[in-house]
């Protein structure tokens, strides 16, 4: 499932930022799921590079994007993994040590995007 309101001629970075804006408070997504949403399913690393340079503090909630195994971003642009963890905990995200503890809901978009991308 791609973002319907983002045209493919829009730069990939803009599509990534739009995808991340869709992740609601209290949920997280993975770099891979964001790549799928932005229309480039094999671009998880590029998503990470883009988000680590996020110039839109307060507008693009890049703290809600984690590795698919729950690890936090080493290079979180707004203060490192400790700050990312603090922000996620304020939104109700649970942790097992330094990794996001995925509940029944799991990763936001992860299942729906990957299952629809495979169809």
C-alpha atoms as a PDB file:
ATOM      1  CA  UNK A   1       0.000   0.000   0.000  1.00  0.00           C
ATOM      2  CA  UNK A   2       1.537   3.265  -1.093  1.00  0.00           C
ATOM      3  CA  UNK A   3       0.593   6.652   0.218  1.00  0.00           C
ATOM      4  CA  UNK A   4      -2.265   7.656  -2.043  1.00  0.00           C
ATOM      5  CA  UNK A   5      -1.798  11.413  -1.732  1.00  0.00           C
ATOM      6  CA  UNK A   6       1.909  11.408  -2.660  1.00  0.00           C
ATOM      7  CA  UNK A   7       2.767  11.363  -6.352  1.00  0.00           C
ATOM      8  CA  UNK A   8       5.662   9.258  -7.585  1.00  0.00           C
ATOM      9  CA  UNK A   9       7.328  12.318  -9.136  1.00  0.00           C
ATOM     10  CA  UNK A  10       7.664  13.806  -5.648  1.00  0.00           C
ATOM     11  CA  UNK A  11      11.165  13.314  -4.195  1.00  0.00           C
ATOM     12  CA  UNK A  12      11.563  10.164  -2.132  1.00  0.00           C
ATOM     13  CA  UNK A  13      12.469  12.166   0.987  1.00  0.00           C
ATOM     14  CA  UNK A  14       9.170  14.054   0.808  1.00  0.00           C
ATOM     15  CA  UNK A  15       7.267  10.765   0.453  1.00  0.00           C
ATOM     16  CA  UNK A  16       9.116   9.401   3.504  1.00  0.00           C
ATOM     17  CA  UNK A  17       8.200  12.431   5.612  1.00  0.00           C
ATOM     18  CA  UNK A  18       4.555  12.138   4.530  1.00  0.00           C
ATOM     19  CA  UNK A  19       4.502   8.440   5.432  1.00  0.00           C
ATOM     20  CA  UNK A  20       5.949   9.084   8.882  1.00  0.00           C
ATOM     21  CA  UNK A  21       3.348  11.790   9.538  1.00  0.00           C
ATOM     22  CA  UNK A  22       0.707   9.037   9.264  1.00  0.00           C
ATOM     23  CA  UNK A  23       2.078   7.074  12.247  1.00  0.00           C
ATOM     24  CA  UNK A  24      -0.228   7.946  15.157  1.00  0.00           C
ATOM     25  CA  UNK A  25       0.874   8.804  18.670  1.00  0.00           C
ATOM     26  CA  UNK A  26       1.421   5.650  20.707  1.00  0.00           C
ATOM     27  CA  UNK A  27       2.402   3.504  17.729  1.00  0.00           C
ATOM     28  CA  UNK A  28       5.671   2.769  15.947  1.00  0.00           C
ATOM     29  CA  UNK A  29       6.652   1.599  12.491  1.00  0.00           C
ATOM     30  CA  UNK A  30       9.800   0.159  10.954  1.00  0.00           C
ATOM     31  CA  UNK A  31      12.128   1.677   8.388  1.00  0.00           C
ATOM     32  CA  UNK A  32      11.083  -1.063   5.972  1.00  0.00           C
ATOM     33  CA  UNK A  33       7.372  -0.367   6.404  1.00  0.00           C
ATOM     34  CA  UNK A  34       7.945   3.343   5.811  1.00  0.00           C
ATOM     35  CA  UNK A  35       9.912   2.480   2.651  1.00  0.00           C
ATOM     36  CA  UNK A  36       6.955   0.446   1.379  1.00  0.00           C
ATOM     37  CA  UNK A  37       4.536   3.257   2.188  1.00  0.00           C
ATOM     38  CA  UNK A  38       6.760   5.723   0.346  1.00  0.00           C
ATOM     39  CA  UNK A  39       6.765   3.497  -2.736  1.00  0.00           C
ATOM     40  CA  UNK A  40      10.253   1.964  -2.555  1.00  0.00           C
ATOM     41  CA  UNK A  41      10.034  -1.336  -0.660  1.00  0.00           C
ATOM     42  CA  UNK A  42      13.790  -2.015  -0.805  1.00  0.00           C
ATOM     43  CA  UNK A  43      14.826   1.386   0.550  1.00  0.00           C
ATOM     44  CA  UNK A  44      14.800   0.878   4.332  1.00  0.00           C
ATOM     45  CA  UNK A  45      18.368   2.158   4.686  1.00  0.00           C
ATOM     46  CA  UNK A  46      17.551   5.236   2.626  1.00  0.00           C
ATOM     47  CA  UNK A  47      14.580   5.892   4.917  1.00  0.00           C
ATOM     48  CA  UNK A  48      16.957   5.764   7.893  1.00  0.00           C
ATOM     49  CA  UNK A  49      19.356   8.194   6.245  1.00  0.00           C
ATOM     50  CA  UNK A  50      16.528  10.593   5.450  1.00  0.00           C
ATOM     51  CA  UNK A  51      15.015  10.454   8.922  1.00  0.00           C
ATOM     52  CA  UNK A  52      18.397  10.951  10.586  1.00  0.00           C
ATOM     53  CA  UNK A  53      18.486  14.337   8.844  1.00  0.00           C
ATOM     54  CA  UNK A  54      14.861  15.259   9.580  1.00  0.00           C
ATOM     55  CA  UNK A  55      14.639  19.071   9.518  1.00  0.00           C
ATOM     56  CA  UNK A  56      10.998  19.098  10.663  1.00  0.00           C
ATOM     57  CA  UNK A  57      11.143  18.903  14.464  1.00  0.00           C
ATOM     58  CA  UNK A  58       7.603  18.665  15.791  1.00  0.00           C
ATOM     59  CA  UNK A  59       6.102  18.075  12.349  1.00  0.00           C
ATOM     60  CA  UNK A  60       7.509  14.683  11.318  1.00  0.00           C
ATOM     61  CA  UNK A  61       7.486  12.233  14.251  1.00  0.00           C
ATOM     62  CA  UNK A  62      10.606  10.326  13.218  1.00  0.00           C
ATOM     63  CA  UNK A  63      10.973   9.060  16.802  1.00  0.00           C
ATOM     64  CA  UNK A  64       8.141   6.626  15.977  1.00  0.00           C
ATOM     65  CA  UNK A  65      10.288   4.750  13.445  1.00  0.00           C
ATOM     66  CA  UNK A  66      12.419   1.887  14.781  1.00  0.00           C
ATOM     67  CA  UNK A  67      14.244  -1.143  13.411  1.00  0.00           C
ATOM     68  CA  UNK A  68      12.000  -4.123  12.635  1.00  0.00           C
ATOM     69  CA  UNK A  69      13.399  -5.951  15.665  1.00  0.00           C
ATOM     70  CA  UNK A  70      12.469  -3.060  17.972  1.00  0.00           C
ATOM     71  CA  UNK A  71      15.908  -1.507  18.306  1.00  0.00           C
ATOM     72  CA  UNK A  72      16.092   2.270  18.425  1.00  0.00           C
ATOM     73  CA  UNK A  73      18.007   4.471  16.015  1.00  0.00           C
ATOM     74  CA  UNK A  74      21.649   4.934  16.948  1.00  0.00           C
ATOM     75  CA  UNK A  75      21.666   8.291  15.203  1.00  0.00           C
ATOM     76  CA  UNK A  76      18.328   9.699  16.351  1.00  0.00           C
ATOM     77  CA  UNK A  77      18.530  13.245  15.062  1.00  0.00           C
ATOM     78  CA  UNK A  78      16.968  14.933  18.090  1.00  0.00           C
ATOM     79  CA  UNK A  79      19.181  13.673  20.911  1.00  0.00           C
ATOM     80  CA  UNK A  80      20.162  10.046  20.395  1.00  0.00           C
ATOM     81  CA  UNK A  81      18.470   6.781  21.396  1.00  0.00           C
ATOM     82  CA  UNK A  82      17.937   7.896  24.990  1.00  0.00           C
ATOM     83  CA  UNK A  83      15.791  10.796  23.830  1.00  0.00           C
ATOM     84  CA  UNK A  84      13.945   8.610  21.326  1.00  0.00           C
ATOM     85  CA  UNK A  85      13.144   6.130  24.093  1.00  0.00           C
ATOM     86  CA  UNK A  86      11.954   8.921  26.403  1.00  0.00           C
ATOM     87  CA  UNK A  87       9.661  10.308  23.705  1.00  0.00           C
ATOM     88  CA  UNK A  88       8.197   6.882  22.916  1.00  0.00           C
ATOM     89  CA  UNK A  89       7.656   6.076  26.594  1.00  0.00           C
ATOM     90  CA  UNK A  90       5.771   9.367  26.978  1.00  0.00           C
ATOM     91  CA  UNK A  91       3.459   8.088  24.215  1.00  0.00           C
ATOM     92  CA  UNK A  92       2.874   4.795  26.033  1.00  0.00           C
ATOM     93  CA  UNK A  93       5.274   2.561  24.098  1.00  0.00           C
ATOM     94  CA  UNK A  94       6.599  -0.288  26.277  1.00  0.00           C
ATOM     95  CA  UNK A  95      10.208  -1.476  26.235  1.00  0.00           C
ATOM     96  CA  UNK A  96      12.128  -4.651  26.943  1.00  0.00           C
ATOM     97  CA  UNK A  97      15.521  -3.212  27.847  1.00  0.00           C
ATOM     98  CA  UNK A  98      16.442  -0.911  24.988  1.00  0.00           C
ATOM     99  CA  UNK A  99      14.042  -2.422  22.431  1.00  0.00           C
ATOM    100  CA  UNK A 100      10.415  -1.611  21.765  1.00  0.00           C
ATOM    101  CA  UNK A 101       8.200  -4.329  23.194  1.00  0.00           C
ATOM    102  CA  UNK A 102       5.642  -5.031  20.505  1.00  0.00           C
ATOM    103  CA  UNK A 103       2.206  -5.723  21.912  1.00  0.00           C
ATOM    104  CA  UNK A 104      -0.782  -7.327  20.271  1.00  0.00           C
ATOM    105  CA  UNK A 105      -0.960  -4.416  17.829  1.00  0.00           C
ATOM    106  CA  UNK A 106       2.646  -4.902  16.694  1.00  0.00           C
ATOM    107  CA  UNK A 107       4.282  -2.417  14.394  1.00  0.00           C
ATOM    108  CA  UNK A 108       2.016   0.200  12.906  1.00  0.00           C
ATOM    109  CA  UNK A 109       1.402  -0.595   9.216  1.00  0.00           C
ATOM    110  CA  UNK A 110       3.860  -3.495   9.282  1.00  0.00           C
ATOM    111  CA  UNK A 111       1.369  -6.298   8.691  1.00  0.00           C
ATOM    112  CA  UNK A 112      -1.049  -4.428   6.457  1.00  0.00           C
ATOM    113  CA  UNK A 113       1.635  -2.952   4.256  1.00  0.00           C
ATOM    114  CA  UNK A 114       3.706  -6.085   3.817  1.00  0.00           C
ATOM    115  CA  UNK A 115       0.682  -8.282   3.205  1.00  0.00           C
ATOM    116  CA  UNK A 116      -0.771  -5.831   0.659  1.00  0.00           C
ATOM    117  CA  UNK A 117       2.638  -5.362  -1.005  1.00  0.00           C
ATOM    118  CA  UNK A 118       2.851  -9.111  -1.566  1.00  0.00           C
ATOM    119  CA  UNK A 119      -0.633  -9.321  -3.153  1.00  0.00           C
END
